C-alpha atoms as a PDB file:
ATOM      1  CA  MET A   1       6.511  38.311 -64.996  1.00  0.00           C
ATOM      2  CA  GLY A   2      10.258  37.931 -64.076  1.00  0.00           C
ATOM      3  CA  LYS A   3      12.993  36.897 -66.393  1.00  0.00           C
ATOM      4  CA  HIS A   4      16.458  35.483 -66.280  1.00  0.00           C
ATOM      5  CA  LEU A   5      19.477  37.686 -67.082  1.00  0.00           C
ATOM      6  CA  LEU A   6      21.775  35.278 -68.881  1.00  0.00           C
ATOM      7  CA  SER A   7      25.474  36.056 -68.775  1.00  0.00           C
ATOM      8  CA  LEU A   8      28.726  34.111 -69.340  1.00  0.00           C
ATOM      9  CA  ASP A   9      32.411  34.692 -68.589  1.00  0.00           C
ATOM     10  CA  ILE A  10      34.991  33.108 -70.969  1.00  0.00           C
ATOM     11  CA  PRO A  11      38.350  33.675 -69.400  1.00  0.00           C
ATOM     12  CA  ASP A  12      41.585  33.517 -71.283  1.00  0.00           C
ATOM     13  CA  THR A  13      43.628  30.419 -70.421  1.00  0.00           C
ATOM     14  CA  THR A  14      46.997  28.980 -71.376  1.00  0.00           C
ATOM     15  CA  ASN A  15      45.734  25.443 -71.327  1.00  0.00           C
ATOM     16  CA  SER A  16      45.346  24.739 -74.990  1.00  0.00           C
ATOM     17  CA  CYS A  17      43.118  21.649 -74.593  1.00  0.00           C
ATOM     18  CA  ILE A  18      40.498  23.434 -72.400  1.00  0.00           C
ATOM     19  CA  LEU A  19      37.775  25.932 -73.139  1.00  0.00           C
ATOM     20  CA  ARG A  20      36.605  27.369 -69.781  1.00  0.00           C
ATOM     21  CA  ILE A  21      33.175  28.834 -69.530  1.00  0.00           C
ATOM     22  CA  VAL A  22      31.541  30.217 -66.304  1.00  0.00           C
ATOM     23  CA  ASP A  23      27.775  30.908 -65.874  1.00  0.00           C
ATOM     24  CA  THR A  24      27.530  34.386 -64.381  1.00  0.00           C
ATOM     25  CA  SER A  25      23.714  34.667 -64.957  1.00  0.00           C
ATOM     26  CA  ILE A  26      21.221  36.098 -62.536  1.00  0.00           C
ATOM     27  CA  TYR A  27      18.249  33.725 -62.393  1.00  0.00           C
ATOM     28  CA  ASP A  28      14.772  34.738 -61.348  1.00  0.00           C
ATOM     29  CA  PRO A  29      13.774  32.261 -58.560  1.00  0.00           C
ATOM     30  CA  ASN A  30      10.114  32.491 -59.643  1.00  0.00           C
ATOM     31  CA  VAL A  31      10.895  31.296 -63.294  1.00  0.00           C
ATOM     32  CA  PRO A  32      11.718  27.646 -63.965  1.00  0.00           C
ATOM     33  CA  ILE A  33      15.099  26.961 -65.535  1.00  0.00           C
ATOM     34  CA  GLU A  34      14.662  24.220 -68.101  1.00  0.00           C
ATOM     35  CA  CYS A  35      16.695  22.873 -71.054  1.00  0.00           C
ATOM     36  CA  PRO A  36      19.952  24.744 -70.299  1.00  0.00           C
ATOM     37  CA  THR A  37      21.997  24.423 -73.516  1.00  0.00           C
ATOM     38  CA  LEU A  38      25.538  25.564 -74.301  1.00  0.00           C
ATOM     39  CA  GLU A  39      26.396  25.834 -77.998  1.00  0.00           C
ATOM     40  CA  ILE A  40      29.906  26.414 -79.336  1.00  0.00           C
ATOM     41  CA  THR A  41      30.846  27.161 -82.936  1.00  0.00           C
ATOM     42  CA  PRO A  42      34.642  26.903 -83.485  1.00  0.00           C
ATOM     43  CA  PRO A  43      36.530  29.167 -85.960  1.00  0.00           C
ATOM     44  CA  GLY A  44      35.854  28.160 -89.495  1.00  0.00           C
ATOM     45  CA  PHE A  45      32.750  26.060 -88.658  1.00  0.00           C
ATOM     46  CA  PHE A  46      29.170  26.798 -89.358  1.00  0.00           C
ATOM     47  CA  GLN A  47      27.756  24.022 -87.183  1.00  0.00           C
ATOM     48  CA  ALA A  48      27.476  24.589 -83.377  1.00  0.00           C
ATOM     49  CA  TYR A  49      28.462  21.763 -81.063  1.00  0.00           C
ATOM     50  CA  SER A  50      26.154  21.438 -78.086  1.00  0.00           C
ATOM     51  CA  TYR A  51      27.032  20.704 -74.477  1.00  0.00           C
ATOM     52  CA  LEU A  52      23.828  19.781 -72.466  1.00  0.00           C
ATOM     53  CA  SER A  53      25.324  18.518 -69.204  1.00  0.00           C
ATOM     54  CA  ILE A  54      25.115  21.840 -67.340  1.00  0.00           C
ATOM     55  CA  ASN A  55      23.152  23.254 -64.452  1.00  0.00           C
ATOM     56  CA  PRO A  56      22.636  26.891 -63.566  1.00  0.00           C
ATOM     57  CA  GLY A  57      25.741  28.432 -62.047  1.00  0.00           C
ATOM     58  CA  PHE A  58      28.022  26.111 -63.981  1.00  0.00           C
ATOM     59  CA  THR A  59      31.753  26.318 -64.483  1.00  0.00           C
ATOM     60  CA  VAL A  60      32.968  24.002 -67.179  1.00  0.00           C
ATOM     61  CA  ASN A  61      36.350  23.125 -68.548  1.00  0.00           C
ATOM     62  CA  LEU A  62      35.422  21.684 -71.888  1.00  0.00           C
ATOM     63  CA  THR A  63      37.704  19.468 -74.064  1.00  0.00           C
ATOM     64  CA  GLN A  64      37.004  18.892 -77.652  1.00  0.00           C
ATOM     65  CA  CYS A  65      35.706  15.484 -76.602  1.00  0.00           C
ATOM     66  CA  ASP A  66      33.060  17.043 -74.413  1.00  0.00           C
ATOM     67  CA  ILE A  67      31.544  18.902 -77.283  1.00  0.00           C
ATOM     68  CA  GLU A  68      32.097  15.978 -79.745  1.00  0.00           C
ATOM     69  CA  LEU A  69      34.428  18.053 -81.952  1.00  0.00           C
ATOM     70  CA  GLN A  70      37.065  15.247 -81.263  1.00  0.00           C
ATOM     71  CA  VAL A  71      35.424  11.798 -81.370  1.00  0.00           C
ATOM     72  CA  TYR A  72      38.396   9.468 -81.443  1.00  0.00           C
ATOM     73  CA  ASN A  73      41.082   8.581 -78.831  1.00  0.00           C
ATOM     74  CA  CYS A  74      39.477  10.767 -76.193  1.00  0.00           C
ATOM     75  CA  ASP A  75      40.717   8.475 -73.507  1.00  0.00           C
ATOM     76  CA  LEU A  76      44.331   8.896 -74.753  1.00  0.00           C
ATOM     77  CA  VAL A  77      44.737  12.336 -76.307  1.00  0.00           C
ATOM     78  CA  LYS A  78      42.981  15.732 -75.910  1.00  0.00           C
ATOM     79  CA  ASN A  79      43.346  17.741 -79.065  1.00  0.00           C
ATOM     80  CA  PRO A  80      44.106  21.470 -78.563  1.00  0.00           C
ATOM     81  CA  TYR A  81      41.630  24.262 -79.462  1.00  0.00           C
ATOM     82  CA  SER A  82      42.850  26.554 -82.083  1.00  0.00           C
ATOM     83  CA  ASP A  83      43.106  30.334 -81.503  1.00  0.00           C
ATOM     84  CA  GLY A  84      40.361  32.367 -83.291  1.00  0.00           C
ATOM     85  CA  VAL A  85      36.788  33.514 -82.982  1.00  0.00           C
ATOM     86  CA  TYR A  86      34.351  31.241 -81.209  1.00  0.00           C
ATOM     87  CA  ILE A  87      30.614  31.866 -81.127  1.00  0.00           C
ATOM     88  CA  ILE A  88      29.347  30.799 -77.757  1.00  0.00           C
ATOM     89  CA  ARG A  89      25.541  30.703 -77.128  1.00  0.00           C
ATOM     90  CA  TYR A  90      23.849  29.893 -73.809  1.00  0.00           C
ATOM     91  CA  SER A  91      20.086  29.424 -73.537  1.00  0.00           C
ATOM     92  CA  VAL A  92      17.343  28.039 -71.392  1.00  0.00           C
ATOM     93  CA  SER A  93      13.691  27.305 -72.273  1.00  0.00           C
ATOM     94  CA  PRO A  94      12.241  28.761 -74.442  1.00  0.00           C
ATOM     95  CA  ASN A  95      15.761  28.451 -76.051  1.00  0.00           C
ATOM     96  CA  ASP A  96      14.919  30.505 -79.130  1.00  0.00           C
ATOM     97  CA  ARG A  97      13.920  33.547 -76.926  1.00  0.00           C
ATOM     98  CA  VAL A  98      16.001  33.275 -73.744  1.00  0.00           C
ATOM     99  CA  TYR A  99      19.622  33.259 -74.743  1.00  0.00           C
ATOM    100  CA  VAL A 100      22.914  35.139 -74.714  1.00  0.00           C
ATOM    101  CA  GLU A 101      25.471  34.885 -77.492  1.00  0.00           C
ATOM    102  CA  TYR A 102      29.207  36.038 -77.561  1.00  0.00           C
ATOM    103  CA  ASN A 103      31.938  36.202 -80.010  1.00  0.00           C
ATOM    104  CA  HIS A 104      35.094  35.071 -78.105  1.00  0.00           C
ATOM    105  CA  LEU A 105      38.533  35.555 -79.428  1.00  0.00           C
ATOM    106  CA  ARG A 106      40.650  32.684 -78.058  1.00  0.00           C
ATOM    107  CA  ILE A 107      44.294  33.777 -77.594  1.00  0.00           C
ATOM    108  CA  THR A 108      45.943  30.852 -75.933  1.00  0.00           C
ATOM    109  CA  LYS A 109      48.691  30.389 -78.529  1.00  0.00           C
ATOM    110  CA  ALA A 110      49.516  34.101 -78.507  1.00  0.00           C
ATOM    111  CA  LEU A 111      49.712  34.168 -74.644  1.00  0.00           C
ATOM    112  CA  LYS A 112      52.047  31.185 -74.616  1.00  0.00           C
ATOM    113  CA  ARG A 113      54.184  32.940 -77.318  1.00  0.00           C
ATOM    114  CA  PHE A 114      54.433  36.013 -75.215  1.00  0.00           C
ATOM    115  CA  ASP A 115      55.634  34.018 -72.253  1.00  0.00           C
ATOM    116  CA  SER A 116      58.096  32.136 -74.296  1.00  0.00           C
ATOM    117  CA  ILE A 117      59.576  35.345 -75.686  1.00  0.00           C
ATOM    118  CA  LEU A 118      59.743  36.948 -72.174  1.00  0.00           C
ATOM    119  CA  CYS A 119      61.644  33.906 -70.968  1.00  0.00           C
ATOM    120  CA  CYS A 120      63.959  33.996 -73.848  1.00  0.00           C
ATOM    121  CA  LEU A 121      64.798  37.723 -73.361  1.00  0.00           C
ATOM    122  CA  GLN A 122      66.231  36.946 -69.978  1.00  0.00           C
ATOM    123  CA  VAL A 123      65.078  40.095 -68.295  1.00  0.00           C
ATOM    124  CA  LYS A 124      67.066  40.927 -65.056  1.00  0.00           C
ATOM    125  CA  GLY A 125      66.302  42.900 -61.933  1.00  0.00           C
ATOM    126  CA  CYS A 126      68.084  46.021 -63.240  1.00  0.00           C
ATOM    127  CA  ALA A 127      67.758  48.550 -66.068  1.00  0.00           C
ATOM    128  CA  PRO A 128      67.754  46.761 -69.402  1.00  0.00           C
ATOM    129  CA  SER A 129      70.252  47.357 -72.144  1.00  0.00           C
ATOM    130  CA  SER A 130      69.012  49.448 -75.055  1.00  0.00           C
ATOM    131  CA  ASP A 131      68.451  46.423 -77.194  1.00  0.00           C
ATOM    132  CA  LEU A 132      66.470  44.696 -74.470  1.00  0.00           C
ATOM    133  CA  ASN A 133      64.598  47.813 -73.801  1.00  0.00           C
ATOM    134  CA  SER A 134      63.577  48.052 -77.427  1.00  0.00           C
ATOM    135  CA  ALA A 135      62.417  44.405 -77.395  1.00  0.00           C
ATOM    136  CA  LEU A 136      60.401  45.020 -74.284  1.00  0.00           C
ATOM    137  CA  ARG A 137      58.680  48.009 -75.788  1.00  0.00           C
ATOM    138  CA  GLU A 138      57.728  45.926 -78.833  1.00  0.00           C
ATOM    139  CA  VAL A 139      56.377  43.197 -76.510  1.00  0.00           C
ATOM    140  CA  GLN A 140      54.251  45.697 -74.709  1.00  0.00           C
ATOM    141  CA  LEU A 141      52.988  47.225 -77.953  1.00  0.00           C
ATOM    142  CA  LEU A 142      52.161  43.771 -79.316  1.00  0.00           C
ATOM    143  CA  PHE A 143      50.384  42.841 -76.076  1.00  0.00           C
ATOM    144  CA  THR A 144      48.266  45.989 -76.302  1.00  0.00           C
ATOM    145  CA  MET A 145      47.418  45.198 -79.927  1.00  0.00           C
ATOM    146  CA  LEU A 146      46.383  41.696 -78.868  1.00  0.00           C
ATOM    147  CA  LYS A 147      43.995  43.294 -76.384  1.00  0.00           C
ATOM    148  CA  ALA A 148      42.758  45.536 -79.182  1.00  0.00           C
ATOM    149  CA  ALA A 149      42.054  42.402 -81.269  1.00  0.00           C
ATOM    150  CA  LYS A 150      39.943  40.999 -78.403  1.00  0.00           C
ATOM    151  CA  ALA A 151      38.100  44.286 -77.985  1.00  0.00           C
ATOM    152  CA  ASN A 152      37.256  44.352 -81.685  1.00  0.00           C
ATOM    153  CA  VAL A 153      35.924  40.821 -81.655  1.00  0.00           C
ATOM    154  CA  GLU A 154      34.175  40.709 -78.268  1.00  0.00           C
ATOM    155  CA  PHE A 155      32.967  44.342 -77.773  1.00  0.00           C
ATOM    156  CA  CYS A 156      32.999  46.148 -81.096  1.00  0.00           C
ATOM    157  CA  HIS A 157      31.515  43.139 -82.968  1.00  0.00           C
ATOM    158  CA  HIS A 158      34.157  43.288 -85.726  1.00  0.00           C
ATOM    159  CA  PRO A 159      35.552  39.774 -85.779  1.00  0.00           C
ATOM    160  CA  GLY A 160      37.334  40.244 -89.186  1.00  0.00           C
ATOM    161  CA  LYS A 161      39.164  43.250 -87.945  1.00  0.00           C
ATOM    162  CA  GLY A 162      40.068  41.542 -84.685  1.00  0.00           C
ATOM    163  CA  MET A 163      41.486  38.591 -86.537  1.00  0.00           C
ATOM    164  CA  ASP A 164      43.498  40.813 -88.799  1.00  0.00           C
ATOM    165  CA  ILE A 165      45.145  42.332 -85.708  1.00  0.00           C
ATOM    166  CA  TYR A 166      45.622  39.010 -84.101  1.00  0.00           C
ATOM    167  CA  ASN A 167      47.431  37.682 -87.227  1.00  0.00           C
ATOM    168  CA  TYR A 168      49.638  40.692 -87.359  1.00  0.00           C
ATOM    169  CA  VAL A 169      50.561  40.261 -83.702  1.00  0.00           C
ATOM    170  CA  MET A 170      51.396  36.601 -84.224  1.00  0.00           C
ATOM    171  CA  THR A 171      53.647  37.473 -87.294  1.00  0.00           C
ATOM    172  CA  ARG A 172      55.362  40.188 -85.358  1.00  0.00           C
ATOM    173  CA  LEU A 173      55.945  37.859 -82.335  1.00  0.00           C
ATOM    174  CA  ASN A 174      57.591  35.284 -84.684  1.00  0.00           C
ATOM    175  CA  LYS A 175      59.901  37.962 -86.056  1.00  0.00           C
ATOM    176  CA  LEU A 176      60.719  39.150 -82.512  1.00  0.00           C
ATOM    177  CA  ALA A 177      61.493  35.677 -81.508  1.00  0.00           C
ATOM    178  CA  CYS A 178      63.787  35.159 -84.459  1.00  0.00           C
ATOM    179  CA  ALA A 179      65.540  38.468 -83.935  1.00  0.00           C
ATOM    180  CA  ASN A 180      66.366  37.541 -80.391  1.00  0.00           C
ATOM    181  CA  GLY A 181      67.399  33.920 -80.944  1.00  0.00           C
ATOM    182  CA  CYS A 182      64.588  32.370 -79.160  1.00  0.00           C
ATOM    183  CA  ASP A 183      64.365  28.636 -79.499  1.00  0.00           C
ATOM    184  CA  THR A 184      60.613  28.975 -80.279  1.00  0.00           C
ATOM    185  CA  CYS A 185      61.107  30.856 -83.440  1.00  0.00           C
ATOM    186  CA  ASN A 186      60.057  29.532 -86.796  1.00  0.00           C
ATOM    187  CA  CYS A 187      62.407  31.549 -88.960  1.00  0.00           C
ATOM    188  CA  SER A 188      60.826  30.432 -92.108  1.00  0.00           C
ATOM    189  CA  ASP A 189      58.033  32.941 -91.141  1.00  0.00           C
ATOM    190  CA  CYS A 190      60.533  35.750 -90.761  1.00  0.00           C
END
């Protein structure tokens, strides 16, 4: 008997109000696809929020209203998702046996912080000064560390270690912003 090979892609985005999920599954045409269910457990939560309005091959841009994490003023305001480890589970019937589950490290706030700092540094189309060169090296190091945080969460299955790295990167980004006079700095964190 054939079977479905379930798979999801959860790309990084800089839209803080959207969680994008793409179904990259391979479905066996001889096996029915029933009761597709997408469950999302946000950081710090123990309860999964379900999204049932999906069909095989879906691409969804979920707001907190879509998964009922936000229940008020959905027509006026979309609350942002926080960065952190999300548990995302996709299943089809029988849902307790045909599923795939991922730890996803959302890094939207960090990506926006990197962009903000790079704008602030005013990089030009020529060799940078030694101070700018030093700041750019630190940005590159921190970006690599952010990738290490994602790898620890999503591939090595060490979410705590990944979050420790993420938190360190965010602290260093704040200090870098402060040291370079960026308007996005929160110098009380420095």
